[in-house]
Amino acid sequence: MTTSIEKPQSTGTTPPPVPEGSVMITMKIARFNPEDELGAHWDSFQVPCLPTDRLLNLLIYVKSYLDGTLTFRRSCAHGVCGSDAMRINGVNRLACKVLMRDMLSKDGKSLTITVEPIRGLPVEKDLVVNMEPFFDAFRAVKPYLITTGNTPTRERIQSQADRARFDDTTKCILCACCTTSCPVYWNDGSYFGPAAIVNAHRFIFDSRDEAASERLDILNDVEGVWRCRTTFNCTDACPRGIEVTKAIQEVKRALLFAR
């Protein structure tokens, strides 16, 4: 990305609203449209910001009032769906969980925020990436309960201790923040990636499941857990606070020793 374009501040004749008490910040957003000849570039927007805003609110403001062609994913806006994963000031985050009160300068200095798509996946338009390679890896580890025998007539009983064994990895929302923060994944997209391993972990250590060895065989592949270089990028990026690197190391130990 070598060019930067200053966009007009209104798409109509009526000036965009500026909430009382807001401060103006600069949003520098990575743009890409496969249907035009501009290629990958940056657009800058002046956006009013309140301390109570989340970064997703500012993106919606840009799309609503300044440039309706801006494209990004969002859904629940509560940090549960994982749709709005993007790189914010160079770090993978969910836009709906980034609080502007934590980013605004205390001394009134001007603020510039860069927003770009998560790395390692093909960009389709602006901040939207093709998630299929990510979900292909997720599906490959068989992220569902596998049992044999007759279907039980009641729930499968599990102790609190057995449930606690994999509690952390049940929190994954498949936002891809961890996987696309991994330098190994950037270099070679064939690596399963942290999110797939986390979801395999969730069932490998589930006492009700009977396919742990099958999943471990899948992750023992050349593109499996042994590609992890323990940089902790994935743990830092996870918006749910999952100890991703720890889960990957536990899967490695399960391959070396009995689970």
Protein backbone atom coordinates (compact mmCIF):
# COMPACT_ATOMS: atom_id res chain seq x y z
CA MET A 1 0.00 0.00 0.00
CA THR A 2 1.78 3.09 -1.22
CA THR A 3 -0.91 5.69 -1.81
CA SER A 4 -3.09 7.65 0.57
CA ILE A 5 -6.30 9.40 -0.41
CA GLU A 6 -8.12 12.06 1.62
CA LYS A 7 -11.83 11.35 1.27
CA PRO A 8 -14.51 14.07 1.25
CA GLN A 9 -16.23 14.46 4.58
CA SER A 10 -19.80 14.11 3.40
CA THR A 11 -21.61 12.05 0.78
CA GLY A 12 -24.51 14.49 0.53
CA THR A 13 -25.42 18.15 0.84
CA THR A 14 -26.15 17.93 4.58
CA PRO A 15 -23.03 17.94 6.74
CA PRO A 16 -22.59 14.80 8.86
CA PRO A 17 -23.65 15.10 12.51
CA VAL A 18 -21.05 15.87 15.17
CA PRO A 19 -22.16 14.77 18.66
CA GLU A 20 -21.77 17.31 21.44
CA GLY A 21 -18.59 16.79 23.44
CA SER A 22 -16.87 14.72 20.74
CA VAL A 23 -13.32 15.23 19.53
CA MET A 24 -12.17 14.79 15.94
CA ILE A 25 -9.76 11.96 15.23
CA THR A 26 -8.20 10.68 12.02
CA MET A 27 -9.06 7.17 10.84
CA LYS A 28 -6.65 5.77 8.28
CA ILE A 29 -8.36 2.79 6.68
CA ALA A 30 -6.90 0.26 4.27
CA ARG A 31 -8.97 0.06 1.09
CA PHE A 32 -9.12 -2.45 -1.74
CA ASN A 33 -11.76 -2.91 -4.40
CA PRO A 34 -11.11 -5.63 -7.00
CA GLU A 35 -13.45 -3.83 -9.40
CA ASP A 36 -11.46 -0.60 -9.69
CA GLU A 37 -7.93 0.29 -10.73
CA LEU A 38 -6.80 2.00 -7.53
CA GLY A 39 -5.37 -1.18 -6.03
CA ALA A 40 -4.56 -1.38 -2.36
CA HIS A 41 -4.35 2.07 -0.77
CA TRP A 42 -5.22 4.06 2.34
CA ASP A 43 -8.12 6.49 2.83
CA SER A 44 -8.15 9.00 5.68
CA PHE A 45 -11.31 10.28 7.37
CA GLN A 46 -11.94 12.88 10.07
CA VAL A 47 -14.40 11.30 12.49
CA PRO A 48 -16.03 12.67 15.68
CA CYS A 49 -15.35 10.46 18.67
CA LEU A 50 -16.79 10.21 22.16
CA PRO A 51 -15.04 8.36 25.00
CA THR A 52 -18.08 6.07 25.20
CA ASP A 53 -17.69 4.97 21.58
CA ARG A 54 -16.26 1.70 20.42
CA LEU A 55 -14.15 1.61 17.30
CA LEU A 56 -16.95 -0.22 15.49
CA ASN A 57 -19.16 2.86 16.05
CA LEU A 58 -16.62 4.99 14.22
CA LEU A 59 -16.49 2.60 11.26
CA ILE A 60 -20.28 2.67 11.07
CA TYR A 61 -20.12 6.49 11.16
CA VAL A 62 -17.71 6.49 8.20
CA LYS A 63 -19.94 4.14 6.22
CA SER A 64 -23.15 5.97 7.13
CA TYR A 65 -22.02 9.57 6.57
CA LEU A 66 -18.65 9.77 4.80
CA ASP A 67 -18.19 6.85 2.40
CA GLY A 68 -20.94 4.31 1.87
CA THR A 69 -18.60 2.07 -0.14
CA LEU A 70 -16.53 1.14 2.93
CA THR A 71 -16.93 -2.60 3.49
CA PHE A 72 -16.43 -4.52 6.72
CA ARG A 73 -18.08 -7.33 8.64
CA ARG A 74 -20.00 -6.86 11.88
CA SER A 75 -22.97 -8.48 13.56
CA CYS A 76 -23.73 -8.64 17.29
CA ALA A 77 -21.39 -5.78 18.33
CA HIS A 78 -20.94 -7.42 21.75
CA GLY A 79 -17.71 -9.38 21.29
CA VAL A 80 -19.55 -12.69 20.91
CA CYS A 81 -19.87 -13.35 17.17
CA GLY A 82 -16.27 -12.53 16.20
CA SER A 83 -17.30 -11.01 12.85
CA ASP A 84 -15.41 -7.73 13.10
CA ALA A 85 -11.84 -8.97 13.57
CA MET A 86 -9.34 -6.53 12.05
CA ARG A 87 -5.88 -5.03 12.64
CA ILE A 88 -6.19 -1.88 14.71
CA ASN A 89 -2.95 0.07 15.05
CA GLY A 90 -1.13 -3.08 13.94
CA VAL A 91 -2.76 -5.43 16.46
CA ASN A 92 -5.54 -7.97 15.86
CA ARG A 93 -8.65 -6.93 17.75
CA LEU A 94 -12.45 -7.03 17.55
CA ALA A 95 -13.59 -3.54 16.60
CA CYS A 96 -16.59 -3.81 18.91
CA LYS A 97 -14.36 -4.47 21.94
CA VAL A 98 -11.93 -1.58 21.40
CA LEU A 99 -13.05 1.22 23.72
CA MET A 100 -12.19 4.70 22.50
CA ARG A 101 -11.71 5.96 26.06
CA ASP A 102 -8.64 3.71 26.18
CA MET A 103 -7.23 5.21 22.97
CA LEU A 104 -7.96 8.91 23.25
CA SER A 105 -5.04 11.02 24.36
CA LYS A 106 -5.30 12.37 27.93
CA ASP A 107 -3.50 15.61 27.01
CA GLY A 108 -5.67 16.46 24.00
CA LYS A 109 -3.13 15.51 21.33
CA SER A 110 -4.45 14.53 17.91
CA LEU A 111 -5.08 10.84 17.39
CA THR A 112 -4.67 8.74 14.24
CA ILE A 113 -5.96 5.17 14.19
CA THR A 114 -4.99 2.75 11.42
CA VAL A 115 -7.42 -0.01 10.49
CA GLU A 116 -6.61 -2.82 8.07
CA PRO A 117 -7.77 -6.39 7.38
CA ILE A 118 -6.37 -9.33 9.32
CA ARG A 119 -3.33 -10.88 7.67
CA GLY A 120 -2.75 -14.26 6.08
CA LEU A 121 -6.14 -14.52 4.34
CA PRO A 122 -7.04 -13.18 0.87
CA VAL A 123 -8.62 -9.71 0.96
CA GLU A 124 -11.94 -9.60 -0.88
CA LYS A 125 -12.81 -5.93 -0.35
CA ASP A 126 -11.55 -3.32 2.12
CA LEU A 127 -11.61 -4.97 5.56
CA VAL A 128 -13.32 -8.18 4.44
CA VAL A 129 -11.17 -11.29 3.97
CA ASN A 130 -11.98 -14.74 2.60
CA MET A 131 -12.42 -16.92 5.71
CA GLU A 132 -12.69 -20.25 3.88
CA PRO A 133 -9.03 -21.33 4.40
CA PHE A 134 -9.50 -20.65 8.12
CA PHE A 135 -12.70 -22.70 8.31
CA ASP A 136 -11.18 -25.48 6.20
CA ALA A 137 -8.53 -25.94 8.91
CA PHE A 138 -11.21 -25.78 11.60
CA ARG A 139 -13.28 -28.50 9.95
CA ALA A 140 -10.22 -30.67 9.35
CA VAL A 141 -9.68 -31.30 13.10
CA LYS A 142 -13.23 -32.70 13.51
CA PRO A 143 -14.44 -30.14 16.08
CA TYR A 144 -17.44 -32.09 17.34
CA LEU A 145 -18.16 -34.86 19.85
CA ILE A 146 -17.45 -38.33 18.47
CA THR A 147 -18.72 -41.40 20.32
CA THR A 148 -19.53 -45.02 19.49
CA GLY A 149 -22.31 -47.35 20.56
CA ASN A 150 -25.98 -46.64 21.01
CA THR A 151 -27.27 -43.15 21.49
CA PRO A 152 -27.75 -42.61 25.24
CA THR A 153 -31.24 -42.17 26.62
CA ARG A 154 -30.06 -39.38 28.95
CA GLU A 155 -27.28 -36.79 29.06
CA ARG A 156 -23.67 -37.96 29.19
CA ILE A 157 -22.56 -37.39 32.76
CA GLN A 158 -19.30 -35.55 33.32
CA SER A 159 -17.65 -34.48 36.57
CA GLN A 160 -16.87 -30.84 37.29
CA ALA A 161 -13.16 -31.68 37.27
CA ASP A 162 -13.42 -33.30 33.83
CA ARG A 163 -15.35 -30.31 32.51
CA ALA A 164 -12.80 -27.88 33.92
CA ARG A 165 -10.03 -29.68 32.00
CA PHE A 166 -11.06 -28.08 28.71
CA ASP A 167 -13.12 -25.13 29.94
CA ASP A 168 -10.75 -22.49 28.57
CA THR A 169 -10.89 -23.69 24.98
CA THR A 170 -14.69 -23.76 24.91
CA LYS A 171 -14.59 -19.94 24.79
CA CYS A 172 -13.37 -19.73 21.17
CA ILE A 173 -15.68 -17.68 18.90
CA LEU A 174 -13.79 -18.40 15.65
CA CYS A 175 -12.92 -14.77 15.03
CA ALA A 176 -9.51 -15.76 13.55
CA CYS A 177 -7.65 -13.12 15.59
CA CYS A 178 -5.24 -15.73 16.94
CA THR A 179 -4.59 -17.55 13.69
CA THR A 180 -4.03 -14.41 11.65
CA SER A 181 -1.65 -12.99 14.26
CA CYS A 182 0.66 -16.01 13.83
CA PRO A 183 3.81 -15.37 11.75
CA VAL A 184 3.97 -19.05 10.79
CA TYR A 185 0.46 -18.78 9.33
CA TRP A 186 1.41 -15.60 7.43
CA ASN A 187 4.36 -17.41 5.92
CA ASP A 188 2.54 -20.60 5.02
CA GLY A 189 -1.23 -20.71 5.03
CA SER A 190 -1.23 -24.51 5.04
CA TYR A 191 -0.47 -24.48 8.80
CA PHE A 192 -3.60 -25.47 10.73
CA GLY A 193 -3.21 -22.40 12.90
CA PRO A 194 -3.97 -21.71 16.58
CA ALA A 195 -7.78 -21.59 16.33
CA ALA A 196 -8.03 -25.05 14.77
CA ILE A 197 -5.71 -26.48 17.43
CA VAL A 198 -7.69 -24.79 20.20
CA ASN A 199 -10.90 -26.39 18.92
CA ALA A 200 -9.20 -29.77 18.64
CA HIS A 201 -7.98 -29.34 22.24
CA ARG A 202 -11.56 -28.77 23.37
CA PHE A 203 -12.49 -32.33 22.29
CA ILE A 204 -9.17 -34.12 22.79
CA PHE A 205 -9.47 -33.49 26.52
CA ASP A 206 -13.23 -34.04 26.75
CA SER A 207 -13.76 -37.22 28.81
CA ARG A 208 -16.93 -38.02 26.83
CA ASP A 209 -15.19 -38.04 23.45
CA GLU A 210 -13.68 -41.15 21.87
CA ALA A 211 -11.71 -39.72 18.94
CA ALA A 212 -8.78 -38.03 20.70
CA SER A 213 -6.20 -40.28 19.02
CA GLU A 214 -7.74 -39.53 15.62
CA ARG A 215 -7.42 -35.79 16.13
CA LEU A 216 -3.92 -36.14 17.52
CA ASP A 217 -2.92 -38.04 14.38
CA ILE A 218 -4.27 -35.15 12.28
CA LEU A 219 -2.35 -32.58 14.32
CA ASN A 220 0.83 -34.67 14.23
CA ASP A 221 1.03 -33.83 10.53
CA VAL A 222 3.82 -31.64 9.17
CA GLU A 223 1.37 -28.70 9.13
CA GLY A 224 0.10 -29.43 12.65
CA VAL A 225 1.13 -28.40 16.16
CA TRP A 226 4.86 -28.82 15.56
CA ARG A 227 4.85 -25.73 13.34
CA CYS A 228 4.10 -23.55 16.40
CA ARG A 229 7.10 -21.40 17.37
CA THR A 230 5.61 -20.24 20.71
CA THR A 231 5.68 -16.51 19.95
CA PHE A 232 2.56 -15.91 22.09
CA ASN A 233 1.07 -13.63 19.39
CA CYS A 234 -2.05 -15.79 19.44
CA THR A 235 -2.56 -15.51 23.19
CA ASP A 236 -2.08 -11.74 23.08
CA ALA A 237 -4.57 -11.38 20.21
CA CYS A 238 -7.40 -13.52 21.62
CA PRO A 239 -10.34 -11.26 22.56
CA ARG A 240 -11.74 -13.97 24.83
CA GLY A 241 -8.62 -14.30 26.94
CA ILE A 242 -7.97 -17.93 25.99
CA GLU A 243 -4.49 -19.19 26.84
CA VAL A 244 -3.97 -20.28 23.25
CA THR A 245 -0.23 -21.02 23.46
CA LYS A 246 -0.80 -23.12 26.58
CA ALA A 247 -3.48 -25.16 24.77
CA ILE A 248 -1.11 -25.79 21.85
CA GLN A 249 1.61 -26.97 24.23
CA GLU A 250 -0.85 -29.32 25.94
CA VAL A 251 -1.69 -30.88 22.58
CA LYS A 252 2.02 -31.35 21.92
CA ARG A 253 2.41 -33.07 25.30
CA ALA A 254 -0.58 -35.29 24.50
CA LEU A 255 1.25 -36.44 21.39
CA LEU A 256 4.36 -37.27 23.42
CA PHE A 257 2.65 -38.74 26.47
CA ALA A 258 -0.76 -40.14 27.37
CA ARG A 259 -3.45 -37.48 27.55
